[in-house]
PDB file of N, CA and C in Angstrom:
ATOM      1  N   MET A   1       0.835  -1.180   0.000  1.00  0.00           N
ATOM      2  CA  MET A   1       0.000   0.000   0.000  1.00  0.00           C
ATOM      3  C   MET A   1       0.880   1.243   0.000  1.00  0.00           C
ATOM      4  N   TYR A   2       0.605   2.194  -0.849  1.00  0.00           N
ATOM      5  CA  TYR A   2       1.387   3.420  -0.983  1.00  0.00           C
ATOM      6  C   TYR A   2       0.903   4.450   0.021  1.00  0.00           C
ATOM      7  N   CYS A   3       1.873   5.053   0.722  1.00  0.00           N
ATOM      8  CA  CYS A   3       1.532   6.089   1.699  1.00  0.00           C
ATOM      9  C   CYS A   3       2.455   7.268   1.474  1.00  0.00           C
ATOM     10  N   PRO A   4       1.934   8.372   0.884  1.00  0.00           N
ATOM     11  CA  PRO A   4       2.803   9.498   0.547  1.00  0.00           C
ATOM     12  C   PRO A   4       3.460  10.147   1.745  1.00  0.00           C
ATOM     13  N   VAL A   5       2.844  10.110   2.902  1.00  0.00           N
ATOM     14  CA  VAL A   5       3.422  10.739   4.090  1.00  0.00           C
ATOM     15  C   VAL A   5       4.679   9.995   4.518  1.00  0.00           C
ATOM     16  N   SER A   6       4.622   8.673   4.575  1.00  0.00           N
ATOM     17  CA  SER A   6       5.800   7.923   5.003  1.00  0.00           C
ATOM     18  C   SER A   6       6.911   8.014   3.954  1.00  0.00           C
ATOM     19  N   ASN A   7       6.544   8.114   2.669  1.00  0.00           N
ATOM     20  CA  ASN A   7       7.547   8.276   1.628  1.00  0.00           C
ATOM     21  C   ASN A   7       8.276   9.606   1.797  1.00  0.00           C
ATOM     22  N   ARG A   8       7.518  10.682   2.049  1.00  0.00           N
ATOM     23  CA  ARG A   8       8.149  11.982   2.299  1.00  0.00           C
ATOM     24  C   ARG A   8       9.010  11.928   3.551  1.00  0.00           C
ATOM     25  N   GLY A   9       8.535  11.238   4.576  1.00  0.00           N
ATOM     26  CA  GLY A   9       9.313  11.093   5.809  1.00  0.00           C
ATOM     27  C   GLY A   9      10.635  10.382   5.561  1.00  0.00           C
ATOM     28  N   ARG A  10      10.562   9.310   4.725  1.00  0.00           N
ATOM     29  CA  ARG A  10      11.785   8.570   4.397  1.00  0.00           C
ATOM     30  C   ARG A  10      12.745   9.456   3.611  1.00  0.00           C
ATOM     31  N   GLN A  11      12.226  10.226   2.656  1.00  0.00           N
ATOM     32  CA  GLN A  11      13.069  11.133   1.879  1.00  0.00           C
ATOM     33  C   GLN A  11      13.701  12.186   2.779  1.00  0.00           C
ATOM     34  N   ARG A  12      12.949  12.700   3.745  1.00  0.00           N
ATOM     35  CA  ARG A  12      13.485  13.693   4.667  1.00  0.00           C
ATOM     36  C   ARG A  12      14.604  13.089   5.517  1.00  0.00           C
ATOM     37  N   LYS A  13      14.400  11.858   5.999  1.00  0.00           N
ATOM     38  CA  LYS A  13      15.436  11.179   6.791  1.00  0.00           C
ATOM     39  C   LYS A  13      16.688  10.936   5.957  1.00  0.00           C
ATOM     40  N   GLU A  14      16.500  10.533   4.703  1.00  0.00           N
ATOM     41  CA  GLU A  14      17.653  10.318   3.829  1.00  0.00           C
ATOM     42  C   GLU A  14      18.412  11.620   3.599  1.00  0.00           C
ATOM     43  N   ALA A  15      17.688  12.721   3.429  1.00  0.00           N
ATOM     44  CA  ALA A  15      18.329  14.024   3.249  1.00  0.00           C
ATOM     45  C   ALA A  15      19.077  14.424   4.515  1.00  0.00           C
ATOM     46  N   GLU A  16      18.495  14.162   5.685  1.00  0.00           N
ATOM     47  CA  GLU A  16      19.164  14.474   6.951  1.00  0.00           C
ATOM     48  C   GLU A  16      20.445  13.663   7.099  1.00  0.00           C
ATOM     49  N   LEU A  17      20.400  12.367   6.725  1.00  0.00           N
ATOM     50  CA  LEU A  17      21.597  11.531   6.801  1.00  0.00           C
ATOM     51  C   LEU A  17      22.679  12.031   5.851  1.00  0.00           C
ATOM     52  N   GLN A  18      22.295  12.429   4.631  1.00  0.00           N
ATOM     53  CA  GLN A  18      23.282  12.954   3.683  1.00  0.00           C
ATOM     54  C   GLN A  18      23.907  14.236   4.211  1.00  0.00           C
ATOM     55  N   GLU A  19      23.092  15.092   4.841  1.00  0.00           N
ATOM     56  CA  GLU A  19      23.619  16.335   5.409  1.00  0.00           C
ATOM     57  C   GLU A  19      24.574  16.036   6.553  1.00  0.00           C
ATOM     58  N   LEU A  20      24.222  15.059   7.404  1.00  0.00           N
ATOM     59  CA  LEU A  20      25.090  14.679   8.508  1.00  0.00           C
ATOM     60  C   LEU A  20      26.410  14.136   7.986  1.00  0.00           C
ATOM     61  N   GLU A  21      26.360  13.254   6.978  1.00  0.00           N
ATOM     62  CA  GLU A  21      27.587  12.709   6.400  1.00  0.00           C
ATOM     63  C   GLU A  21      28.453  13.808   5.817  1.00  0.00           C
ATOM     64  N   ALA A  22      27.848  14.782   5.154  1.00  0.00           N
ATOM     65  CA  ALA A  22      28.599  15.900   4.576  1.00  0.00           C
ATOM     66  C   ALA A  22      29.244  16.730   5.670  1.00  0.00           C
ATOM     67  N   SER A  23      28.537  16.947   6.781  1.00  0.00           N
ATOM     68  CA  SER A  23      29.118  17.752   7.856  1.00  0.00           C
ATOM     69  C   SER A  23      30.277  17.027   8.523  1.00  0.00           C
ATOM     70  N   VAL A  24      30.197  15.698   8.606  1.00  0.00           N
ATOM     71  CA  VAL A  24      31.312  14.936   9.173  1.00  0.00           C
ATOM     72  C   VAL A  24      32.525  15.050   8.267  1.00  0.00           C
ATOM     73  N   LEU A  25      32.308  14.999   6.956  1.00  0.00           N
ATOM     74  CA  LEU A  25      33.418  15.124   6.018  1.00  0.00           C
ATOM     75  C   LEU A  25      33.993  16.536   6.010  1.00  0.00           C
ATOM     76  N   ASP A  26      33.188  17.523   6.400  1.00  0.00           N
ATOM     77  CA  ASP A  26      33.637  18.905   6.407  1.00  0.00           C
ATOM     78  C   ASP A  26      34.214  19.308   7.758  1.00  0.00           C
ATOM     79  N   SER A  27      34.617  18.335   8.545  1.00  0.00           N
ATOM     80  CA  SER A  27      35.208  18.657   9.840  1.00  0.00           C
ATOM     81  C   SER A  27      36.429  17.762  10.061  1.00  0.00           C
ATOM     82  N   PHE A  28      37.210  18.140  11.037  1.00  0.00           N
ATOM     83  CA  PHE A  28      38.443  17.419  11.345  1.00  0.00           C
ATOM     84  C   PHE A  28      38.637  17.486  12.853  1.00  0.00           C
ATOM     85  N   SER A  29      39.079  16.403  13.437  1.00  0.00           N
ATOM     86  CA  SER A  29      39.389  16.454  14.861  1.00  0.00           C
ATOM     87  C   SER A  29      40.661  15.669  15.133  1.00  0.00           C
ATOM     88  N   LYS A  30      41.329  16.069  16.178  1.00  0.00           N
ATOM     89  CA  LYS A  30      42.576  15.433  16.617  1.00  0.00           C
ATOM     90  C   LYS A  30      42.437  15.194  18.110  1.00  0.00           C
ATOM     91  N   LEU A  31      42.912  14.062  18.606  1.00  0.00           N
ATOM     92  CA  LEU A  31      42.739  13.676  20.002  1.00  0.00           C
ATOM     93  C   LEU A  31      44.080  13.349  20.648  1.00  0.00           C
ATOM     94  N   TRP A  32      44.261  13.859  21.848  1.00  0.00           N
ATOM     95  CA  TRP A  32      45.414  13.522  22.668  1.00  0.00           C
ATOM     96  C   TRP A  32      44.911  13.089  24.048  1.00  0.00           C
ATOM     97  N   SER A  33      45.436  11.991  24.561  1.00  0.00           N
ATOM     98  CA  SER A  33      45.094  11.517  25.911  1.00  0.00           C
ATOM     99  C   SER A  33      46.388  11.323  26.676  1.00  0.00           C
ATOM    100  N   PHE A  34      46.414  11.806  27.916  1.00  0.00           N
ATOM    101  CA  PHE A  34      47.635  11.707  28.712  1.00  0.00           C
ATOM    102  C   PHE A  34      47.293  11.886  30.189  1.00  0.00           C
ATOM    103  N   GLU A  35      48.301  11.634  31.009  1.00  0.00           N
ATOM    104  CA  GLU A  35      48.155  11.753  32.456  1.00  0.00           C
ATOM    105  C   GLU A  35      49.302  12.598  32.998  1.00  0.00           C
ATOM    106  N   ILE A  36      48.972  13.522  33.895  1.00  0.00           N
ATOM    107  CA  ILE A  36      49.983  14.336  34.569  1.00  0.00           C
ATOM    108  C   ILE A  36      49.715  14.255  36.060  1.00  0.00           C
ATOM    109  N   GLU A  37      50.717  13.780  36.794  1.00  0.00           N
ATOM    110  CA  GLU A  37      50.642  13.686  38.252  1.00  0.00           C
ATOM    111  C   GLU A  37      49.338  13.040  38.725  1.00  0.00           C
ATOM    112  N   GLY A  38      48.981  11.911  38.076  1.00  0.00           N
ATOM    113  CA  GLY A  38      47.798  11.153  38.468  1.00  0.00           C
ATOM    114  C   GLY A  38      46.482  11.698  37.949  1.00  0.00           C
ATOM    115  N   GLU A  39      46.504  12.818  37.234  1.00  0.00           N
ATOM    116  CA  GLU A  39      45.293  13.415  36.672  1.00  0.00           C
ATOM    117  C   GLU A  39      45.225  13.080  35.191  1.00  0.00           C
ATOM    118  N   TYR A  40      44.091  12.530  34.760  1.00  0.00           N
ATOM    119  CA  TYR A  40      43.900  12.137  33.362  1.00  0.00           C
ATOM    120  C   TYR A  40      43.326  13.310  32.575  1.00  0.00           C
ATOM    121  N   TYR A  41      43.883  13.546  31.388  1.00  0.00           N
ATOM    122  CA  TYR A  41      43.413  14.615  30.505  1.00  0.00           C
ATOM    123  C   TYR A  41      43.149  14.057  29.117  1.00  0.00           C
ATOM    124  N   GLN A  42      42.148  14.606  28.474  1.00  0.00           N
ATOM    125  CA  GLN A  42      41.859  14.290  27.083  1.00  0.00           C
ATOM    126  C   GLN A  42      41.603  15.620  26.376  1.00  0.00           C
ATOM    127  N   ILE A  43      42.439  15.930  25.390  1.00  0.00           N
ATOM    128  CA  ILE A  43      42.334  17.170  24.633  1.00  0.00           C
ATOM    129  C   ILE A  43      41.833  16.829  23.231  1.00  0.00           C
ATOM    130  N   VAL A  44      40.830  17.562  22.770  1.00  0.00           N
ATOM    131  CA  VAL A  44      40.294  17.378  21.428  1.00  0.00           C
ATOM    132  C   VAL A  44      40.342  18.718  20.706  1.00  0.00           C
ATOM    133  N   LEU A  45      40.940  18.707  19.534  1.00  0.00           N
ATOM    134  CA  LEU A  45      40.934  19.864  18.636  1.00  0.00           C
ATOM    135  C   LEU A  45      39.901  19.562  17.567  1.00  0.00           C
ATOM    136  N   TYR A  46      38.927  20.438  17.421  1.00  0.00           N
ATOM    137  CA  TYR A  46      37.854  20.236  16.449  1.00  0.00           C
ATOM    138  C   TYR A  46      37.814  21.416  15.497  1.00  0.00           C
ATOM    139  N   LEU A  47      37.979  21.129  14.204  1.00  0.00           N
ATOM    140  CA  LEU A  47      37.926  22.157  13.168  1.00  0.00           C
ATOM    141  C   LEU A  47      36.705  21.909  12.294  1.00  0.00           C
ATOM    142  N   ALA A  48      35.817  22.884  12.241  1.00  0.00           N
ATOM    143  CA  ALA A  48      34.646  22.803  11.370  1.00  0.00           C
ATOM    144  C   ALA A  48      34.937  23.634  10.133  1.00  0.00           C
ATOM    145  N   HIS A  49      35.242  22.972   9.028  1.00  0.00           N
ATOM    146  CA  HIS A  49      35.636  23.667   7.808  1.00  0.00           C
ATOM    147  C   HIS A  49      34.522  24.541   7.244  1.00  0.00           C
ATOM    148  N   ASP A  50      33.271  24.106   7.399  1.00  0.00           N
ATOM    149  CA  ASP A  50      32.177  24.880   6.830  1.00  0.00           C
ATOM    150  C   ASP A  50      31.957  26.202   7.563  1.00  0.00           C
ATOM    151  N   LYS A  51      32.395  26.273   8.816  1.00  0.00           N
ATOM    152  CA  LYS A  51      32.210  27.499   9.590  1.00  0.00           C
ATOM    153  C   LYS A  51      33.528  28.219   9.870  1.00  0.00           C
ATOM    154  N   ASP A  52      34.642  27.630   9.432  1.00  0.00           N
ATOM    155  CA  ASP A  52      35.973  28.179   9.704  1.00  0.00           C
ATOM    156  C   ASP A  52      36.166  28.447  11.194  1.00  0.00           C
ATOM    157  N   THR A  53      35.791  27.480  12.007  1.00  0.00           N
ATOM    158  CA  THR A  53      35.944  27.633  13.455  1.00  0.00           C
ATOM    159  C   THR A  53      36.857  26.556  13.999  1.00  0.00           C
ATOM    160  N   VAL A  54      37.491  26.868  15.120  1.00  0.00           N
ATOM    161  CA  VAL A  54      38.340  25.936  15.837  1.00  0.00           C
ATOM    162  C   VAL A  54      37.826  25.878  17.271  1.00  0.00           C
ATOM    163  N   ASP A  55      37.573  24.677  17.753  1.00  0.00           N
ATOM    164  CA  ASP A  55      37.159  24.483  19.136  1.00  0.00           C
ATOM    165  C   ASP A  55      38.128  23.522  19.786  1.00  0.00           C
ATOM    166  N   ILE A  56      38.475  23.800  21.034  1.00  0.00           N
ATOM    167  CA  ILE A  56      39.350  22.920  21.802  1.00  0.00           C
ATOM    168  C   ILE A  56      38.604  22.515  23.058  1.00  0.00           C
ATOM    169  N   PHE A  57      38.632  21.215  23.338  1.00  0.00           N
ATOM    170  CA  PHE A  57      37.959  20.681  24.515  1.00  0.00           C
ATOM    171  C   PHE A  57      38.977  19.969  25.395  1.00  0.00           C
ATOM    172  N   CYS A  58      38.844  20.134  26.697  1.00  0.00           N
ATOM    173  CA  CYS A  58      39.657  19.421  27.676  1.00  0.00           C
ATOM    174  C   CYS A  58      38.695  18.668  28.582  1.00  0.00           C
ATOM    175  N   ASN A  59      38.804  17.345  28.565  1.00  0.00           N
ATOM    176  CA  ASN A  59      37.905  16.503  29.357  1.00  0.00           C
ATOM    177  C   ASN A  59      36.452  16.872  29.116  1.00  0.00           C
ATOM    178  N   GLU A  60      36.093  17.023  27.855  1.00  0.00           N
ATOM    179  CA  GLU A  60      34.731  17.304  27.375  1.00  0.00           C
ATOM    180  C   GLU A  60      34.228  18.713  27.659  1.00  0.00           C
ATOM    181  N   ASP A  61      35.032  19.565  28.284  1.00  0.00           N
ATOM    182  CA  ASP A  61      34.649  20.953  28.512  1.00  0.00           C
ATOM    183  C   ASP A  61      35.375  21.838  27.497  1.00  0.00           C
ATOM    184  N   GLU A  62      34.643  22.770  26.900  1.00  0.00           N
ATOM    185  CA  GLU A  62      35.272  23.661  25.932  1.00  0.00           C
ATOM    186  C   GLU A  62      36.272  24.571  26.646  1.00  0.00           C
ATOM    187  N   VAL A  63      37.448  24.683  26.059  1.00  0.00           N
ATOM    188  CA  VAL A  63      38.496  25.534  26.610  1.00  0.00           C
ATOM    189  C   VAL A  63      38.210  26.973  26.204  1.00  0.00           C
ATOM    190  N   ILE A  64      38.199  27.865  27.178  1.00  0.00           N
ATOM    191  CA  ILE A  64      38.010  29.279  26.880  1.00  0.00           C
ATOM    192  C   ILE A  64      39.336  29.992  27.136  1.00  0.00           C
ATOM    193  N   GLY A  65      39.498  31.152  26.553  1.00  0.00           N
ATOM    194  CA  GLY A  65      40.734  31.910  26.732  1.00  0.00           C
ATOM    195  C   GLY A  65      41.880  31.407  25.890  1.00  0.00           C
ATOM    196  N   VAL A  66      41.563  30.815  24.743  1.00  0.00           N
ATOM    197  CA  VAL A  66      42.603  30.324  23.838  1.00  0.00           C
ATOM    198  C   VAL A  66      43.196  31.514  23.089  1.00  0.00           C
ATOM    199  N   ILE A  67      44.511  31.601  23.098  1.00  0.00           N
ATOM    200  CA  ILE A  67      45.211  32.645  22.351  1.00  0.00           C
ATOM    201  C   ILE A  67      45.681  32.025  21.041  1.00  0.00           C
ATOM    202  N   THR A  68      45.246  32.607  19.937  1.00  0.00           N
ATOM    203  CA  THR A  68      45.559  32.076  18.614  1.00  0.00           C
ATOM    204  C   THR A  68      46.507  33.009  17.884  1.00  0.00           C
ATOM    205  N   ASN A  69      47.563  32.431  17.334  1.00  0.00           N
ATOM    206  CA  ASN A  69      48.508  33.186  16.509  1.00  0.00           C
ATOM    207  C   ASN A  69      48.648  32.462  15.180  1.00  0.00           C
ATOM    208  N   CYS A  70      48.459  33.187  14.080  1.00  0.00           N
ATOM    209  CA  CYS A  70      48.602  32.620  12.736  1.00  0.00           C
ATOM    210  C   CYS A  70      49.899  33.124  12.112  1.00  0.00           C
ATOM    211  N   THR A  71      50.508  32.259  11.296  1.00  0.00           N
ATOM    212  CA  THR A  71      51.746  32.635  10.623  1.00  0.00           C
ATOM    213  C   THR A  71      51.489  32.839   9.137  1.00  0.00           C
ATOM    214  N   ASP A  72      52.402  33.522   8.482  1.00  0.00           N
ATOM    215  CA  ASP A  72      52.296  33.756   7.042  1.00  0.00           C
ATOM    216  C   ASP A  72      52.467  32.464   6.244  1.00  0.00           C
ATOM    217  N   GLU A  73      53.110  31.469   6.822  1.00  0.00           N
ATOM    218  CA  GLU A  73      53.354  30.206   6.124  1.00  0.00           C
ATOM    219  C   GLU A  73      52.166  29.270   6.176  1.00  0.00           C
ATOM    220  N   GLY A  74      51.055  29.686   6.769  1.00  0.00           N
ATOM    221  CA  GLY A  74      49.871  28.841   6.828  1.00  0.00           C
ATOM    222  C   GLY A  74      49.744  28.046   8.107  1.00  0.00           C
ATOM    223  N   GLY A  75      50.589  28.297   9.073  1.00  0.00           N
ATOM    224  CA  GLY A  75      50.517  27.597  10.343  1.00  0.00           C
ATOM    225  C   GLY A  75      49.804  28.419  11.393  1.00  0.00           C
ATOM    226  N   ALA A  76      49.617  27.821  12.563  1.00  0.00           N
ATOM    227  CA  ALA A  76      48.961  28.516  13.661  1.00  0.00           C
ATOM    228  C   ALA A  76      49.347  27.858  14.975  1.00  0.00           C
ATOM    229  N   THR A  77      49.232  28.621  16.052  1.00  0.00           N
ATOM    230  CA  THR A  77      49.395  28.062  17.389  1.00  0.00           C
ATOM    231  C   THR A  77      48.182  28.456  18.222  1.00  0.00           C
ATOM    232  N   PHE A  78      47.804  27.560  19.111  1.00  0.00           N
ATOM    233  CA  PHE A  78      46.694  27.782  20.023  1.00  0.00           C
ATOM    234  C   PHE A  78      47.226  27.552  21.435  1.00  0.00           C
ATOM    235  N   ASP A  79      47.320  28.606  22.221  1.00  0.00           N
ATOM    236  CA  ASP A  79      47.856  28.533  23.576  1.00  0.00           C
ATOM    237  C   ASP A  79      46.723  28.613  24.591  1.00  0.00           C
ATOM    238  N   PHE A  80      46.789  27.739  25.618  1.00  0.00           N
ATOM    239  CA  PHE A  80      45.775  27.714  26.663  1.00  0.00           C
ATOM    240  C   PHE A  80      46.356  27.030  27.898  1.00  0.00           C
ATOM    241  N   VAL A  81      45.615  27.052  28.969  1.00  0.00           N
ATOM    242  CA  VAL A  81      46.064  26.457  30.230  1.00  0.00           C
ATOM    243  C   VAL A  81      45.116  25.326  30.597  1.00  0.00           C
ATOM    244  N   ILE A  82      45.688  24.205  31.045  1.00  0.00           N
ATOM    245  CA  ILE A  82      44.873  23.108  31.563  1.00  0.00           C
ATOM    246  C   ILE A  82      45.285  22.837  33.000  1.00  0.00           C
ATOM    247  N   GLY A  83      44.397  22.181  33.726  1.00  0.00           N
ATOM    248  CA  GLY A  83      44.692  21.917  35.130  1.00  0.00           C
ATOM    249  C   GLY A  83      44.880  23.218  35.873  1.00  0.00           C
ATOM    250  N   ASN A  84      45.735  23.183  36.862  1.00  0.00           N
ATOM    251  CA  ASN A  84      45.988  24.391  37.659  1.00  0.00           C
ATOM    252  C   ASN A  84      46.865  25.394  36.926  1.00  0.00           C
ATOM    253  N   SER A  85      47.895  24.894  36.230  1.00  0.00           N
ATOM    254  CA  SER A  85      48.818  25.852  35.607  1.00  0.00           C
ATOM    255  C   SER A  85      49.662  25.262  34.484  1.00  0.00           C
ATOM    256  N   TYR A  86      49.199  24.191  33.871  1.00  0.00           N
ATOM    257  CA  TYR A  86      49.979  23.584  32.795  1.00  0.00           C
ATOM    258  C   TYR A  86      49.763  24.360  31.502  1.00  0.00           C
ATOM    259  N   LYS A  87      50.858  24.807  30.903  1.00  0.00           N
ATOM    260  CA  LYS A  87      50.776  25.574  29.652  1.00  0.00           C
ATOM    261  C   LYS A  87      50.688  24.603  28.477  1.00  0.00           C
ATOM    262  N   ALA A  88      49.588  24.695  27.748  1.00  0.00           N
ATOM    263  CA  ALA A  88      49.362  23.818  26.607  1.00  0.00           C
ATOM    264  C   ALA A  88      49.451  24.625  25.324  1.00  0.00           C
ATOM    265  N   ARG A  89      49.985  23.988  24.292  1.00  0.00           N
ATOM    266  CA  ARG A  89      50.064  24.623  22.976  1.00  0.00           C
ATOM    267  C   ARG A  89      49.799  23.567  21.911  1.00  0.00           C
ATOM    268  N   ILE A  90      48.850  23.878  21.053  1.00  0.00           N
ATOM    269  CA  ILE A  90      48.645  23.076  19.856  1.00  0.00           C
ATOM    270  C   ILE A  90      49.215  23.884  18.707  1.00  0.00           C
ATOM    271  N   SER A  91      50.168  23.285  18.005  1.00  0.00           N
ATOM    272  CA  SER A  91      50.765  23.973  16.861  1.00  0.00           C
ATOM    273  C   SER A  91      50.388  23.236  15.592  1.00  0.00           C
ATOM    274  N   CYS A  92      50.208  24.018  14.566  1.00  0.00           N
ATOM    275  CA  CYS A  92      49.806  23.500  13.270  1.00  0.00           C
ATOM    276  C   CYS A  92      50.798  24.027  12.245  1.00  0.00           C
ATOM    277  N   CYS A  93      51.342  23.129  11.449  1.00  0.00           N
ATOM    278  CA  CYS A  93      52.243  23.569  10.387  1.00  0.00           C
ATOM    279  C   CYS A  93      51.957  22.769   9.128  1.00  0.00           C
ATOM    280  N   ARG A  94      52.276  23.369   8.020  1.00  0.00           N
ATOM    281  CA  ARG A  94      52.041  22.746   6.715  1.00  0.00           C
ATOM    282  C   ARG A  94      53.261  21.912   6.338  1.00  0.00           C
ATOM    283  N   LEU A  95      53.022  20.622   6.033  1.00  0.00           N
ATOM    284  CA  LEU A  95      54.089  19.735   5.584  1.00  0.00           C
ATOM    285  C   LEU A  95      53.942  19.506   4.085  1.00  0.00           C
ATOM    286  N   PRO A  96      54.999  19.743   3.315  1.00  0.00           N
ATOM    287  CA  PRO A  96      54.907  19.581   1.860  1.00  0.00           C
ATOM    288  C   PRO A  96      54.434  18.176   1.477  1.00  0.00           C
ATOM    289  N   GLY A  97      53.387  18.125   0.684  1.00  0.00           N
ATOM    290  CA  GLY A  97      52.864  16.851   0.205  1.00  0.00           C
ATOM    291  C   GLY A  97      52.046  16.067   1.203  1.00  0.00           C
ATOM    292  N   ARG A  98      51.954  16.521   2.448  1.00  0.00           N
ATOM    293  CA  ARG A  98      51.219  15.767   3.468  1.00  0.00           C
ATOM    294  C   ARG A  98      50.111  16.574   4.128  1.00  0.00           C
ATOM    295  N   GLY A  99      49.992  17.831   3.815  1.00  0.00           N
ATOM    296  CA  GLY A  99      48.932  18.641   4.413  1.00  0.00           C
ATOM    297  C   GLY A  99      49.367  19.257   5.733  1.00  0.00           C
ATOM    298  N   LEU A 100      48.427  19.394   6.639  1.00  0.00           N
ATOM    299  CA  LEU A 100      48.705  20.034   7.927  1.00  0.00           C
ATOM    300  C   LEU A 100      49.047  19.005   8.996  1.00  0.00           C
ATOM    301  N   ASP A 101      49.964  19.380   9.857  1.00  0.00           N
ATOM    302  CA  ASP A 101      50.390  18.528  10.970  1.00  0.00           C
ATOM    303  C   ASP A 101      50.075  19.254  12.270  1.00  0.00           C
ATOM    304  N   TYR A 102      49.449  18.563  13.222  1.00  0.00           N
ATOM    305  CA  TYR A 102      49.059  19.162  14.502  1.00  0.00           C
ATOM    306  C   TYR A 102      49.813  18.474  15.633  1.00  0.00           C
ATOM    307  N   ASN A 103      50.380  19.276  16.531  1.00  0.00           N
ATOM    308  CA  ASN A 103      51.123  18.751  17.671  1.00  0.00           C
ATOM    309  C   ASN A 103      50.669  19.449  18.943  1.00  0.00           C
ATOM    310  N   LEU A 104      50.646  18.696  20.032  1.00  0.00           N
ATOM    311  CA  LEU A 104      50.323  19.241  21.349  1.00  0.00           C
ATOM    312  C   LEU A 104      51.557  19.156  22.221  1.00  0.00           C
ATOM    313  N   THR A 105      51.867  20.250  22.886  1.00  0.00           N
ATOM    314  CA  THR A 105      52.919  20.239  23.905  1.00  0.00           C
ATOM    315  C   THR A 105      52.322  20.742  25.212  1.00  0.00           C
ATOM    316  N   ILE A 106      52.768  20.157  26.308  1.00  0.00           N
ATOM    317  CA  ILE A 106      52.379  20.580  27.650  1.00  0.00           C
ATOM    318  C   ILE A 106      53.663  20.986  28.361  1.00  0.00           C
ATOM    319  N   ASP A 107      53.740  22.228  28.766  1.00  0.00           N
ATOM    320  CA  ASP A 107      54.955  22.777  29.382  1.00  0.00           C
ATOM    321  C   ASP A 107      56.199  22.448  28.565  1.00  0.00           C
ATOM    322  N   GLY A 108      56.037  22.480  27.230  1.00  0.00           N
ATOM    323  CA  GLY A 108      57.164  22.253  26.327  1.00  0.00           C
ATOM    324  C   GLY A 108      57.424  20.800  25.963  1.00  0.00           C
ATOM    325  N   TYR A 109      56.707  19.836  26.574  1.00  0.00           N
ATOM    326  CA  TYR A 109      56.905  18.419  26.275  1.00  0.00           C
ATOM    327  C   TYR A 109      55.839  17.945  25.289  1.00  0.00           C
ATOM    328  N   ARG A 110      56.298  17.308  24.206  1.00  0.00           N
ATOM    329  CA  ARG A 110      55.366  16.848  23.163  1.00  0.00           C
ATOM    330  C   ARG A 110      54.547  15.666  23.660  1.00  0.00           C
ATOM    331  N   VAL A 111      53.238  15.707  23.357  1.00  0.00           N
ATOM    332  CA  VAL A 111      52.314  14.642  23.713  1.00  0.00           C
ATOM    333  C   VAL A 111      51.918  13.926  22.422  1.00  0.00           C
ATOM    334  N   PRO A 112      52.099  12.591  22.351  1.00  0.00           N
ATOM    335  CA  PRO A 112      51.724  11.891  21.127  1.00  0.00           C
ATOM    336  C   PRO A 112      50.201  11.869  20.966  1.00  0.00           C
ATOM    337  N   ALA A 113      49.753  12.007  19.720  1.00  0.00           N
ATOM    338  CA  ALA A 113      48.321  11.982  19.429  1.00  0.00           C
ATOM    339  C   ALA A 113      47.812  10.534  19.462  1.00  0.00           C
ATOM    340  N   VAL A 114      46.527  10.396  19.731  1.00  0.00           N
ATOM    341  CA  VAL A 114      45.883   9.089  19.679  1.00  0.00           C
ATOM    342  C   VAL A 114      45.555   8.822  18.217  1.00  0.00           C
ATOM    343  N   GLU A 115      45.969   7.672  17.744  1.00  0.00           N
ATOM    344  CA  GLU A 115      45.729   7.319  16.318  1.00  0.00           C
ATOM    345  C   GLU A 115      44.382   6.685  16.157  1.00  0.00           C
TER     346      GLU A 115
END
C-alpha cells in the first residue's frame, strides 16, 4: 500500500543523513590523551571547515581563553592552560605533500596523538 506521508518522511530522513555525512566530512578532529601527576586529561581539537571555526575541549569541557597566533606560512598556534597551571600549545604547520600537521605540547613536552 502506498503512503505518501511515510515516503516523504523517508526522503526527509535520507536528506538528513546525507547532510550529517557531509558535515562529518567537512570537519576534522585530533585527540590527545595523557596523564599528569595522576590526573587524566583528554584534549580534542575540532575544526569545522564549513564554519571556519576551531574548538578545543579538555575533558569534554570547551576551553576558553585560547590565544591564537597565525603565521604567514599557513601555520597557527593555540595557547591555553589546563589543570591548575599547565601551559598547553597546539601547533599546526604545513608539511609539503602531506597537508597540515598538529602537535600538542604541555609545558614544552610533546604529547603523542591518539591514532
